[in-house]
Amino acid sequence: MDKYNEPLDTIFHALADPTRRAVVQRLVKGPAPVKELAAPYDMALPSFMKHISVLEQAGLIASQKQGRVRTCTFNPDKLAAAEQWFEQQRAIWASRFDNLDTLLTTLQGETDET
């Protein structure tokens, strides 16, 4: 495994699950206690906490405990790394399509001349 892709692998793994994506979407709106985050899901709290743990390990969220309440917050910096990767891929493919367009235009011009 490429050491430069490990953070991206962890982020994409964390976002591969619809429950975890929904948690991130909710936390984009602002911090929330785990109990509130877990409410929409039909699962035991320990199972839901595994999702929270995966998101924390990926660095997408952080949690802080005050008394008996654990509150989660979103970390946009980690998501920015994935966004940057997508932008790089988009640029590569845009360049390839531009090259293909140029080739097709050149070939079209050659067939029109004959």
PDB file of N, CA and C in Angstrom:
ATOM      1  N   MET A   1       0.843  -1.191   0.000  1.00  0.00           N
ATOM      2  CA  MET A   1       0.000   0.000   0.000  1.00  0.00           C
ATOM      3  C   MET A   1       0.877   1.238   0.000  1.00  0.00           C
ATOM      4  N   ASP A   2       0.540   2.178  -0.824  1.00  0.00           N
ATOM      5  CA  ASP A   2       1.270   3.427  -0.950  1.00  0.00           C
ATOM      6  C   ASP A   2       1.028   4.292   0.286  1.00  0.00           C
ATOM      7  N   LYS A   3       2.112   4.687   0.968  1.00  0.00           N
ATOM      8  CA  LYS A   3       1.959   5.454   2.209  1.00  0.00           C
ATOM      9  C   LYS A   3       1.286   6.808   1.983  1.00  0.00           C
ATOM     10  N   TYR A   4       1.358   7.322   0.755  1.00  0.00           N
ATOM     11  CA  TYR A   4       0.716   8.608   0.467  1.00  0.00           C
ATOM     12  C   TYR A   4      -0.793   8.455   0.301  1.00  0.00           C
ATOM     13  N   ASN A   5      -1.241   7.262  -0.049  1.00  0.00           N
ATOM     14  CA  ASN A   5      -2.672   7.033  -0.238  1.00  0.00           C
ATOM     15  C   ASN A   5      -3.358   6.534   1.024  1.00  0.00           C
ATOM     16  N   GLU A   6      -2.604   6.172   2.052  1.00  0.00           N
ATOM     17  CA  GLU A   6      -3.212   5.644   3.270  1.00  0.00           C
ATOM     18  C   GLU A   6      -4.263   6.589   3.869  1.00  0.00           C
ATOM     19  N   PRO A   7      -3.973   7.899   3.994  1.00  0.00           N
ATOM     20  CA  PRO A   7      -5.021   8.775   4.540  1.00  0.00           C
ATOM     21  C   PRO A   7      -6.276   8.782   3.664  1.00  0.00           C
ATOM     22  N   LEU A   8      -6.104   8.786   2.349  1.00  0.00           N
ATOM     23  CA  LEU A   8      -7.260   8.751   1.453  1.00  0.00           C
ATOM     24  C   LEU A   8      -8.010   7.437   1.576  1.00  0.00           C
ATOM     25  N   ASP A   9      -7.281   6.339   1.693  1.00  0.00           N
ATOM     26  CA  ASP A   9      -7.924   5.035   1.855  1.00  0.00           C
ATOM     27  C   ASP A   9      -8.797   5.029   3.102  1.00  0.00           C
ATOM     28  N   THR A  10      -8.289   5.600   4.176  1.00  0.00           N
ATOM     29  CA  THR A  10      -9.028   5.651   5.434  1.00  0.00           C
ATOM     30  C   THR A  10     -10.275   6.531   5.293  1.00  0.00           C
ATOM     31  N   ILE A  11     -10.126   7.656   4.614  1.00  0.00           N
ATOM     32  CA  ILE A  11     -11.265   8.560   4.406  1.00  0.00           C
ATOM     33  C   ILE A  11     -12.320   7.895   3.543  1.00  0.00           C
ATOM     34  N   PHE A  12     -11.902   7.289   2.428  1.00  0.00           N
ATOM     35  CA  PHE A  12     -12.872   6.654   1.538  1.00  0.00           C
ATOM     36  C   PHE A  12     -13.542   5.456   2.212  1.00  0.00           C
ATOM     37  N   HIS A  13     -12.789   4.727   3.021  1.00  0.00           N
ATOM     38  CA  HIS A  13     -13.396   3.617   3.778  1.00  0.00           C
ATOM     39  C   HIS A  13     -14.462   4.154   4.729  1.00  0.00           C
ATOM     40  N   ALA A  14     -14.134   5.231   5.414  1.00  0.00           N
ATOM     41  CA  ALA A  14     -15.089   5.806   6.366  1.00  0.00           C
ATOM     42  C   ALA A  14     -16.348   6.284   5.651  1.00  0.00           C
ATOM     43  N   LEU A  15     -16.194   6.839   4.467  1.00  0.00           N
ATOM     44  CA  LEU A  15     -17.336   7.374   3.732  1.00  0.00           C
ATOM     45  C   LEU A  15     -18.063   6.315   2.898  1.00  0.00           C
ATOM     46  N   ALA A  16     -17.546   5.102   2.885  1.00  0.00           N
ATOM     47  CA  ALA A  16     -18.166   4.033   2.093  1.00  0.00           C
ATOM     48  C   ALA A  16     -19.493   3.572   2.683  1.00  0.00           C
ATOM     49  N   ASP A  17     -19.707   3.837   3.948  1.00  0.00           N
ATOM     50  CA  ASP A  17     -20.922   3.381   4.618  1.00  0.00           C
ATOM     51  C   ASP A  17     -21.971   4.501   4.637  1.00  0.00           C
ATOM     52  N   PRO A  18     -23.223   4.192   4.254  1.00  0.00           N
ATOM     53  CA  PRO A  18     -24.248   5.248   4.225  1.00  0.00           C
ATOM     54  C   PRO A  18     -24.554   5.864   5.590  1.00  0.00           C
ATOM     55  N   THR A  19     -24.449   5.088   6.643  1.00  0.00           N
ATOM     56  CA  THR A  19     -24.683   5.641   7.987  1.00  0.00           C
ATOM     57  C   THR A  19     -23.622   6.679   8.311  1.00  0.00           C
ATOM     58  N   ARG A  20     -22.384   6.350   8.025  1.00  0.00           N
ATOM     59  CA  ARG A  20     -21.294   7.293   8.327  1.00  0.00           C
ATOM     60  C   ARG A  20     -21.387   8.537   7.448  1.00  0.00           C
ATOM     61  N   ARG A  21     -21.771   8.369   6.182  1.00  0.00           N
ATOM     62  CA  ARG A  21     -21.949   9.553   5.323  1.00  0.00           C
ATOM     63  C   ARG A  21     -23.050  10.450   5.876  1.00  0.00           C
ATOM     64  N   ALA A  22     -24.128   9.836   6.346  1.00  0.00           N
ATOM     65  CA  ALA A  22     -25.232  10.624   6.904  1.00  0.00           C
ATOM     66  C   ALA A  22     -24.795  11.362   8.171  1.00  0.00           C
ATOM     67  N   VAL A  23     -23.975  10.727   8.978  1.00  0.00           N
ATOM     68  CA  VAL A  23     -23.467  11.381  10.192  1.00  0.00           C
ATOM     69  C   VAL A  23     -22.622  12.596   9.806  1.00  0.00           C
ATOM     70  N   VAL A  24     -21.757  12.430   8.818  1.00  0.00           N
ATOM     71  CA  VAL A  24     -20.931  13.554   8.362  1.00  0.00           C
ATOM     72  C   VAL A  24     -21.824  14.670   7.821  1.00  0.00           C
ATOM     73  N   GLN A  25     -22.825  14.310   7.016  1.00  0.00           N
ATOM     74  CA  GLN A  25     -23.741  15.328   6.485  1.00  0.00           C
ATOM     75  C   GLN A  25     -24.430  16.087   7.617  1.00  0.00           C
ATOM     76  N   ARG A  26     -24.823  15.381   8.653  1.00  0.00           N
ATOM     77  CA  ARG A  26     -25.476  16.037   9.787  1.00  0.00           C
ATOM     78  C   ARG A  26     -24.505  16.966  10.504  1.00  0.00           C
ATOM     79  N   LEU A  27     -23.266  16.502  10.688  1.00  0.00           N
ATOM     80  CA  LEU A  27     -22.292  17.295  11.445  1.00  0.00           C
ATOM     81  C   LEU A  27     -21.800  18.516  10.681  1.00  0.00           C
ATOM     82  N   VAL A  28     -21.972  18.531   9.363  1.00  0.00           N
ATOM     83  CA  VAL A  28     -21.628  19.721   8.590  1.00  0.00           C
ATOM     84  C   VAL A  28     -22.469  20.900   9.068  1.00  0.00           C
ATOM     85  N   LYS A  29     -23.679  20.619   9.545  1.00  0.00           N
ATOM     86  CA  LYS A  29     -24.582  21.669  10.039  1.00  0.00           C
ATOM     87  C   LYS A  29     -24.162  22.203  11.401  1.00  0.00           C
ATOM     88  N   GLY A  30     -23.352  21.418  12.127  1.00  0.00           N
ATOM     89  CA  GLY A  30     -22.910  21.856  13.447  1.00  0.00           C
ATOM     90  C   GLY A  30     -22.742  20.671  14.379  1.00  0.00           C
ATOM     91  N   PRO A  31     -22.081  20.892  15.527  1.00  0.00           N
ATOM     92  CA  PRO A  31     -21.851  19.811  16.491  1.00  0.00           C
ATOM     93  C   PRO A  31     -23.160  19.187  16.961  1.00  0.00           C
ATOM     94  N   ALA A  32     -23.060  17.914  17.357  1.00  0.00           N
ATOM     95  CA  ALA A  32     -24.240  17.209  17.860  1.00  0.00           C
ATOM     96  C   ALA A  32     -23.812  16.118  18.826  1.00  0.00           C
ATOM     97  N   PRO A  33     -24.625  15.857  19.834  1.00  0.00           N
ATOM     98  CA  PRO A  33     -24.337  14.747  20.747  1.00  0.00           C
ATOM     99  C   PRO A  33     -24.568  13.402  20.045  1.00  0.00           C
ATOM    100  N   VAL A  34     -23.831  12.403  20.458  1.00  0.00           N
ATOM    101  CA  VAL A  34     -23.930  11.072  19.863  1.00  0.00           C
ATOM    102  C   VAL A  34     -25.361  10.557  19.930  1.00  0.00           C
ATOM    103  N   LYS A  35     -26.036  10.809  21.034  1.00  0.00           N
ATOM    104  CA  LYS A  35     -27.413  10.323  21.190  1.00  0.00           C
ATOM    105  C   LYS A  35     -28.310  10.872  20.082  1.00  0.00           C
ATOM    106  N   GLU A  36     -28.133  12.138  19.738  1.00  0.00           N
ATOM    107  CA  GLU A  36     -28.914  12.749  18.651  1.00  0.00           C
ATOM    108  C   GLU A  36     -28.529  12.149  17.299  1.00  0.00           C
ATOM    109  N   LEU A  37     -27.238  11.943  17.099  1.00  0.00           N
ATOM    110  CA  LEU A  37     -26.764  11.368  15.835  1.00  0.00           C
ATOM    111  C   LEU A  37     -27.282   9.941  15.641  1.00  0.00           C
ATOM    112  N   ALA A  38     -27.376   9.201  16.741  1.00  0.00           N
ATOM    113  CA  ALA A  38     -27.787   7.800  16.674  1.00  0.00           C
ATOM    114  C   ALA A  38     -29.298   7.629  16.548  1.00  0.00           C
ATOM    115  N   ALA A  39     -30.068   8.630  16.925  1.00  0.00           N
ATOM    116  CA  ALA A  39     -31.526   8.512  16.990  1.00  0.00           C
ATOM    117  C   ALA A  39     -32.190   7.993  15.711  1.00  0.00           C
ATOM    118  N   PRO A  40     -31.779   8.432  14.524  1.00  0.00           N
ATOM    119  CA  PRO A  40     -32.471   7.968  13.314  1.00  0.00           C
ATOM    120  C   PRO A  40     -32.196   6.511  12.930  1.00  0.00           C
ATOM    121  N   TYR A  41     -31.270   5.861  13.610  1.00  0.00           N
ATOM    122  CA  TYR A  41     -30.833   4.526  13.196  1.00  0.00           C
ATOM    123  C   TYR A  41     -31.335   3.451  14.151  1.00  0.00           C
ATOM    124  N   ASP A  42     -31.762   2.359  13.570  1.00  0.00           N
ATOM    125  CA  ASP A  42     -32.265   1.223  14.342  1.00  0.00           C
ATOM    126  C   ASP A  42     -31.096   0.299  14.682  1.00  0.00           C
ATOM    127  N   MET A  43     -30.247   0.784  15.596  1.00  0.00           N
ATOM    128  CA  MET A  43     -29.120  -0.035  16.044  1.00  0.00           C
ATOM    129  C   MET A  43     -28.785   0.326  17.484  1.00  0.00           C
ATOM    130  N   ALA A  44     -28.162  -0.623  18.142  1.00  0.00           N
ATOM    131  CA  ALA A  44     -27.745  -0.398  19.528  1.00  0.00           C
ATOM    132  C   ALA A  44     -26.646   0.664  19.556  1.00  0.00           C
ATOM    133  N   LEU A  45     -26.569   1.399  20.649  1.00  0.00           N
ATOM    134  CA  LEU A  45     -25.569   2.455  20.777  1.00  0.00           C
ATOM    135  C   LEU A  45     -24.139   1.939  20.594  1.00  0.00           C
ATOM    136  N   PRO A  46     -23.763   0.763  21.145  1.00  0.00           N
ATOM    137  CA  PRO A  46     -22.400   0.271  20.897  1.00  0.00           C
ATOM    138  C   PRO A  46     -22.105   0.066  19.404  1.00  0.00           C
ATOM    139  N   SER A  47     -23.091  -0.395  18.654  1.00  0.00           N
ATOM    140  CA  SER A  47     -22.907  -0.558  17.204  1.00  0.00           C
ATOM    141  C   SER A  47     -22.734   0.791  16.533  1.00  0.00           C
ATOM    142  N   PHE A  48     -23.527   1.769  16.936  1.00  0.00           N
ATOM    143  CA  PHE A  48     -23.411   3.112  16.366  1.00  0.00           C
ATOM    144  C   PHE A  48     -22.054   3.724  16.719  1.00  0.00           C
ATOM    145  N   MET A  49     -21.582   3.457  17.926  1.00  0.00           N
ATOM    146  CA  MET A  49     -20.282   3.996  18.349  1.00  0.00           C
ATOM    147  C   MET A  49     -19.139   3.466  17.484  1.00  0.00           C
ATOM    148  N   LYS A  50     -19.297   2.284  16.908  1.00  0.00           N
ATOM    149  CA  LYS A  50     -18.282   1.769  15.979  1.00  0.00           C
ATOM    150  C   LYS A  50     -18.196   2.668  14.754  1.00  0.00           C
ATOM    151  N   HIS A  51     -19.344   3.166  14.288  1.00  0.00           N
ATOM    152  CA  HIS A  51     -19.335   4.109  13.165  1.00  0.00           C
ATOM    153  C   HIS A  51     -18.624   5.407  13.552  1.00  0.00           C
ATOM    154  N   ILE A  52     -18.916   5.883  14.745  1.00  0.00           N
ATOM    155  CA  ILE A  52     -18.262   7.103  15.230  1.00  0.00           C
ATOM    156  C   ILE A  52     -16.749   6.884  15.300  1.00  0.00           C
ATOM    157  N   SER A  53     -16.348   5.731  15.775  1.00  0.00           N
ATOM    158  CA  SER A  53     -14.925   5.413  15.887  1.00  0.00           C
ATOM    159  C   SER A  53     -14.236   5.414  14.520  1.00  0.00           C
ATOM    160  N   VAL A  54     -14.872   4.840  13.522  1.00  0.00           N
ATOM    161  CA  VAL A  54     -14.295   4.815  12.161  1.00  0.00           C
ATOM    162  C   VAL A  54     -14.132   6.245  11.643  1.00  0.00           C
ATOM    163  N   LEU A  55     -15.139   7.071  11.856  1.00  0.00           N
ATOM    164  CA  LEU A  55     -15.059   8.465  11.407  1.00  0.00           C
ATOM    165  C   LEU A  55     -13.964   9.231  12.147  1.00  0.00           C
ATOM    166  N   GLU A  56     -13.815   8.946  13.434  1.00  0.00           N
ATOM    167  CA  GLU A  56     -12.750   9.597  14.216  1.00  0.00           C
ATOM    168  C   GLU A  56     -11.376   9.135  13.753  1.00  0.00           C
ATOM    169  N   GLN A  57     -11.216   7.843  13.511  1.00  0.00           N
ATOM    170  CA  GLN A  57      -9.928   7.319  13.052  1.00  0.00           C
ATOM    171  C   GLN A  57      -9.529   7.917  11.707  1.00  0.00           C
ATOM    172  N   ALA A  58     -10.526   8.204  10.869  1.00  0.00           N
ATOM    173  CA  ALA A  58     -10.249   8.830   9.580  1.00  0.00           C
ATOM    174  C   ALA A  58      -9.971  10.321   9.720  1.00  0.00           C
ATOM    175  N   GLY A  59     -10.250  10.867  10.905  1.00  0.00           N
ATOM    176  CA  GLY A  59     -10.033  12.292  11.146  1.00  0.00           C
ATOM    177  C   GLY A  59     -11.155  13.174  10.624  1.00  0.00           C
ATOM    178  N   LEU A  60     -12.255  12.555  10.177  1.00  0.00           N
ATOM    179  CA  LEU A  60     -13.374  13.332   9.644  1.00  0.00           C
ATOM    180  C   LEU A  60     -14.188  14.010  10.736  1.00  0.00           C
ATOM    181  N   ILE A  61     -14.188  13.414  11.926  1.00  0.00           N
ATOM    182  CA  ILE A  61     -14.888  14.015  13.057  1.00  0.00           C
ATOM    183  C   ILE A  61     -14.004  13.922  14.298  1.00  0.00           C
ATOM    184  N   ALA A  62     -14.368  14.700  15.275  1.00  0.00           N
ATOM    185  CA  ALA A  62     -13.745  14.625  16.600  1.00  0.00           C
ATOM    186  C   ALA A  62     -14.883  14.575  17.603  1.00  0.00           C
ATOM    187  N   SER A  63     -14.622  13.936  18.731  1.00  0.00           N
ATOM    188  CA  SER A  63     -15.647  13.921  19.768  1.00  0.00           C
ATOM    189  C   SER A  63     -15.026  14.331  21.089  1.00  0.00           C
ATOM    190  N   GLN A  64     -15.866  14.919  21.911  1.00  0.00           N
ATOM    191  CA  GLN A  64     -15.425  15.389  23.211  1.00  0.00           C
ATOM    192  C   GLN A  64     -16.503  15.027  24.218  1.00  0.00           C
ATOM    193  N   LYS A  65     -16.071  14.527  25.353  1.00  0.00           N
ATOM    194  CA  LYS A  65     -17.026  14.104  26.366  1.00  0.00           C
ATOM    195  C   LYS A  65     -17.052  15.116  27.507  1.00  0.00           C
ATOM    196  N   GLN A  66     -18.275  15.553  27.832  1.00  0.00           N
ATOM    197  CA  GLN A  66     -18.487  16.413  28.991  1.00  0.00           C
ATOM    198  C   GLN A  66     -19.533  15.737  29.849  1.00  0.00           C
ATOM    199  N   GLY A  67     -19.112  15.288  30.999  1.00  0.00           N
ATOM    200  CA  GLY A  67     -20.024  14.533  31.852  1.00  0.00           C
ATOM    201  C   GLY A  67     -20.402  13.235  31.161  1.00  0.00           C
ATOM    202  N   ARG A  68     -21.694  13.035  30.935  1.00  0.00           N
ATOM    203  CA  ARG A  68     -22.166  11.813  30.280  1.00  0.00           C
ATOM    204  C   ARG A  68     -22.475  12.022  28.806  1.00  0.00           C
ATOM    205  N   VAL A  69     -22.234  13.231  28.311  1.00  0.00           N
ATOM    206  CA  VAL A  69     -22.591  13.559  26.930  1.00  0.00           C
ATOM    207  C   VAL A  69     -21.335  13.652  26.065  1.00  0.00           C
ATOM    208  N   ARG A  70     -21.316  12.861  24.992  1.00  0.00           N
ATOM    209  CA  ARG A  70     -20.229  12.917  24.014  1.00  0.00           C
ATOM    210  C   ARG A  70     -20.752  13.686  22.799  1.00  0.00           C
ATOM    211  N   THR A  71     -20.082  14.791  22.485  1.00  0.00           N
ATOM    212  CA  THR A  71     -20.478  15.646  21.366  1.00  0.00           C
ATOM    213  C   THR A  71     -19.468  15.514  20.241  1.00  0.00           C
ATOM    214  N   CYS A  72     -19.983  15.386  19.021  1.00  0.00           N
ATOM    215  CA  CYS A  72     -19.136  15.225  17.844  1.00  0.00           C
ATOM    216  C   CYS A  72     -19.132  16.496  17.008  1.00  0.00           C
ATOM    217  N   THR A  73     -17.985  16.767  16.406  1.00  0.00           N
ATOM    218  CA  THR A  73     -17.840  17.904  15.500  1.00  0.00           C
ATOM    219  C   THR A  73     -17.180  17.423  14.210  1.00  0.00           C
ATOM    220  N   PHE A  74     -17.467  18.116  13.135  1.00  0.00           N
ATOM    221  CA  PHE A  74     -16.939  17.797  11.808  1.00  0.00           C
ATOM    222  C   PHE A  74     -15.590  18.463  11.601  1.00  0.00           C
ATOM    223  N   ASN A  75     -14.658  17.756  10.949  1.00  0.00           N
ATOM    224  CA  ASN A  75     -13.347  18.299  10.613  1.00  0.00           C
ATOM    225  C   ASN A  75     -13.256  18.427   9.091  1.00  0.00           C
ATOM    226  N   PRO A  76     -13.517  19.614   8.539  1.00  0.00           N
ATOM    227  CA  PRO A  76     -13.548  19.770   7.082  1.00  0.00           C
ATOM    228  C   PRO A  76     -12.189  19.588   6.405  1.00  0.00           C
ATOM    229  N   ASP A  77     -11.097  19.744   7.139  1.00  0.00           N
ATOM    230  CA  ASP A  77      -9.769  19.622   6.534  1.00  0.00           C
ATOM    231  C   ASP A  77      -9.535  18.240   5.934  1.00  0.00           C
ATOM    232  N   LYS A  78     -10.000  17.203   6.596  1.00  0.00           N
ATOM    233  CA  LYS A  78      -9.799  15.844   6.093  1.00  0.00           C
ATOM    234  C   LYS A  78     -10.597  15.605   4.822  1.00  0.00           C
ATOM    235  N   LEU A  79     -11.787  16.135   4.772  1.00  0.00           N
ATOM    236  CA  LEU A  79     -12.602  15.974   3.576  1.00  0.00           C
ATOM    237  C   LEU A  79     -11.981  16.742   2.406  1.00  0.00           C
ATOM    238  N   ALA A  80     -11.288  17.815   2.706  1.00  0.00           N
ATOM    239  CA  ALA A  80     -10.619  18.608   1.670  1.00  0.00           C
ATOM    240  C   ALA A  80      -9.547  17.774   0.969  1.00  0.00           C
ATOM    241  N   ALA A  81      -8.898  16.852   1.677  1.00  0.00           N
ATOM    242  CA  ALA A  81      -7.892  15.989   1.057  1.00  0.00           C
ATOM    243  C   ALA A  81      -8.536  15.105  -0.009  1.00  0.00           C
ATOM    244  N   ALA A  82      -9.706  14.566   0.281  1.00  0.00           N
ATOM    245  CA  ALA A  82     -10.424  13.748  -0.699  1.00  0.00           C
ATOM    246  C   ALA A  82     -10.883  14.614  -1.868  1.00  0.00           C
ATOM    247  N   GLU A  83     -11.350  15.797  -1.562  1.00  0.00           N
ATOM    248  CA  GLU A  83     -11.788  16.718  -2.614  1.00  0.00           C
ATOM    249  C   GLU A  83     -10.634  17.064  -3.547  1.00  0.00           C
ATOM    250  N   GLN A  84      -9.457  17.269  -2.984  1.00  0.00           N
ATOM    251  CA  GLN A  84      -8.270  17.580  -3.790  1.00  0.00           C
ATOM    252  C   GLN A  84      -7.941  16.410  -4.712  1.00  0.00           C
ATOM    253  N   TRP A  85      -8.053  15.186  -4.209  1.00  0.00           N
ATOM    254  CA  TRP A  85      -7.793  14.007  -5.032  1.00  0.00           C
ATOM    255  C   TRP A  85      -8.773  13.964  -6.203  1.00  0.00           C
ATOM    256  N   PHE A  86     -10.066  14.226  -5.934  1.00  0.00           N
ATOM    257  CA  PHE A  86     -11.061  14.236  -7.010  1.00  0.00           C
ATOM    258  C   PHE A  86     -10.741  15.318  -8.039  1.00  0.00           C
ATOM    259  N   GLU A  87     -10.322  16.464  -7.592  1.00  0.00           N
ATOM    260  CA  GLU A  87      -9.965  17.549  -8.506  1.00  0.00           C
ATOM    261  C   GLU A  87      -8.791  17.148  -9.398  1.00  0.00           C
ATOM    262  N   GLN A  88      -7.800  16.465  -8.829  1.00  0.00           N
ATOM    263  CA  GLN A  88      -6.667  15.995  -9.620  1.00  0.00           C
ATOM    264  C   GLN A  88      -7.123  14.996 -10.679  1.00  0.00           C
ATOM    265  N   GLN A  89      -8.008  14.088 -10.292  1.00  0.00           N
ATOM    266  CA  GLN A  89      -8.525  13.106 -11.245  1.00  0.00           C
ATOM    267  C   GLN A  89      -9.333  13.790 -12.340  1.00  0.00           C
ATOM    268  N   ARG A  90     -10.138  14.766 -11.962  1.00  0.00           N
ATOM    269  CA  ARG A  90     -10.941  15.510 -12.934  1.00  0.00           C
ATOM    270  C   ARG A  90     -10.040  16.228 -13.932  1.00  0.00           C
ATOM    271  N   ALA A  91      -8.953  16.832 -13.459  1.00  0.00           N
ATOM    272  CA  ALA A  91      -8.022  17.545 -14.339  1.00  0.00           C
ATOM    273  C   ALA A  91      -7.340  16.578 -15.314  1.00  0.00           C
ATOM    274  N   ILE A  92      -6.967  15.419 -14.824  1.00  0.00           N
ATOM    275  CA  ILE A  92      -6.331  14.414 -15.691  1.00  0.00           C
ATOM    276  C   ILE A  92      -7.292  14.012 -16.808  1.00  0.00           C
ATOM    277  N   TRP A  93      -8.534  13.724 -16.437  1.00  0.00           N
ATOM    278  CA  TRP A  93      -9.505  13.285 -17.445  1.00  0.00           C
ATOM    279  C   TRP A  93      -9.890  14.416 -18.384  1.00  0.00           C
ATOM    280  N   ALA A  94      -9.962  15.630 -17.908  1.00  0.00           N
ATOM    281  CA  ALA A  94     -10.268  16.766 -18.783  1.00  0.00           C
ATOM    282  C   ALA A  94      -9.170  16.919 -19.826  1.00  0.00           C
ATOM    283  N   SER A  95      -7.918  16.763 -19.407  1.00  0.00           N
ATOM    284  CA  SER A  95      -6.786  16.845 -20.337  1.00  0.00           C
ATOM    285  C   SER A  95      -6.861  15.730 -21.375  1.00  0.00           C
ATOM    286  N   ARG A  96      -7.208  14.526 -20.936  1.00  0.00           N
ATOM    287  CA  ARG A  96      -7.329  13.405 -21.882  1.00  0.00           C
ATOM    288  C   ARG A  96      -8.443  13.650 -22.887  1.00  0.00           C
ATOM    289  N   PHE A  97      -9.556  14.181 -22.441  1.00  0.00           N
ATOM    290  CA  PHE A  97     -10.662  14.480 -23.358  1.00  0.00           C
ATOM    291  C   PHE A  97     -10.276  15.585 -24.334  1.00  0.00           C
ATOM    292  N   ASP A  98      -9.537  16.586 -23.862  1.00  0.00           N
ATOM    293  CA  ASP A  98      -9.070  17.645 -24.756  1.00  0.00           C
ATOM    294  C   ASP A  98      -8.149  17.069 -25.825  1.00  0.00           C
ATOM    295  N   ASN A  99      -7.252  16.177 -25.422  1.00  0.00           N
ATOM    296  CA  ASN A  99      -6.357  15.536 -26.388  1.00  0.00           C
ATOM    297  C   ASN A  99      -7.147  14.707 -27.395  1.00  0.00           C
ATOM    298  N   LEU A 100      -8.158  14.008 -26.933  1.00  0.00           N
ATOM    299  CA  LEU A 100      -8.993  13.215 -27.826  1.00  0.00           C
ATOM    300  C   LEU A 100      -9.750  14.114 -28.797  1.00  0.00           C
ATOM    301  N   ASP A 101     -10.276  15.239 -28.309  1.00  0.00           N
ATOM    302  CA  ASP A 101     -10.956  16.188 -29.188  1.00  0.00           C
ATOM    303  C   ASP A 101     -10.019  16.714 -30.264  1.00  0.00           C
ATOM    304  N   THR A 102      -8.792  17.028 -29.875  1.00  0.00           N
ATOM    305  CA  THR A 102      -7.805  17.524 -30.834  1.00  0.00           C
ATOM    306  C   THR A 102      -7.504  16.454 -31.880  1.00  0.00           C
ATOM    307  N   LEU A 103      -7.324  15.243 -31.448  1.00  0.00           N
ATOM    308  CA  LEU A 103      -7.058  14.141 -32.376  1.00  0.00           C
ATOM    309  C   LEU A 103      -8.229  13.942 -33.338  1.00  0.00           C
ATOM    310  N   LEU A 104      -9.438  13.947 -32.828  1.00  0.00           N
ATOM    311  CA  LEU A 104     -10.614  13.758 -33.679  1.00  0.00           C
ATOM    312  C   LEU A 104     -10.770  14.901 -34.677  1.00  0.00           C
ATOM    313  N   THR A 105     -10.494  16.123 -34.237  1.00  0.00           N
ATOM    314  CA  THR A 105     -10.558  17.272 -35.140  1.00  0.00           C
ATOM    315  C   THR A 105      -9.516  17.132 -36.236  1.00  0.00           C
ATOM    316  N   THR A 106      -8.314  16.722 -35.879  1.00  0.00           N
ATOM    317  CA  THR A 106      -7.234  16.532 -36.861  1.00  0.00           C
ATOM    318  C   THR A 106      -7.620  15.429 -37.844  1.00  0.00           C
ATOM    319  N   LEU A 107      -8.115  14.323 -37.349  1.00  0.00           N
ATOM    320  CA  LEU A 107      -8.511  13.216 -38.230  1.00  0.00           C
ATOM    321  C   LEU A 107      -9.681  13.626 -39.129  1.00  0.00           C
ATOM    322  N   GLN A 108     -10.601  14.397 -38.604  1.00  0.00           N
ATOM    323  CA  GLN A 108     -11.742  14.875 -39.388  1.00  0.00           C
ATOM    324  C   GLN A 108     -11.247  15.775 -40.516  1.00  0.00           C
ATOM    325  N   GLY A 109     -10.270  16.632 -40.211  1.00  0.00           N
ATOM    326  CA  GLY A 109      -9.691  17.511 -41.231  1.00  0.00           C
ATOM    327  C   GLY A 109      -8.989  16.731 -42.322  1.00  0.00           C
ATOM    328  N   GLU A 110      -8.304  15.661 -41.966  1.00  0.00           N
ATOM    329  CA  GLU A 110      -7.610  14.825 -42.942  1.00  0.00           C
ATOM    330  C   GLU A 110      -8.597  14.114 -43.857  1.00  0.00           C
ATOM    331  N   THR A 111      -9.715  13.658 -43.337  1.00  0.00           N
ATOM    332  CA  THR A 111     -10.705  12.960 -44.160  1.00  0.00           C
ATOM    333  C   THR A 111     -11.450  13.937 -45.070  1.00  0.00           C
ATOM    334  N   ASP A 112     -11.606  15.204 -44.636  1.00  0.00           N
ATOM    335  CA  ASP A 112     -12.275  16.200 -45.461  1.00  0.00           C
ATOM    336  C   ASP A 112     -11.398  16.601 -46.639  1.00  0.00           C
ATOM    337  N   GLU A 113     -10.064  16.550 -46.505  1.00  0.00           N
ATOM    338  CA  GLU A 113      -9.119  16.958 -47.549  1.00  0.00           C
ATOM    339  C   GLU A 113      -8.978  15.896 -48.627  1.00  0.00           C
ATOM    340  N   THR A 114      -9.314  14.661 -48.324  1.00  0.00           N
ATOM    341  CA  THR A 114      -9.122  13.604 -49.328  1.00  0.00           C
ATOM    342  C   THR A 114     -10.312  13.410 -50.217  1.00  0.00           C
TER     343      THR A 114
END
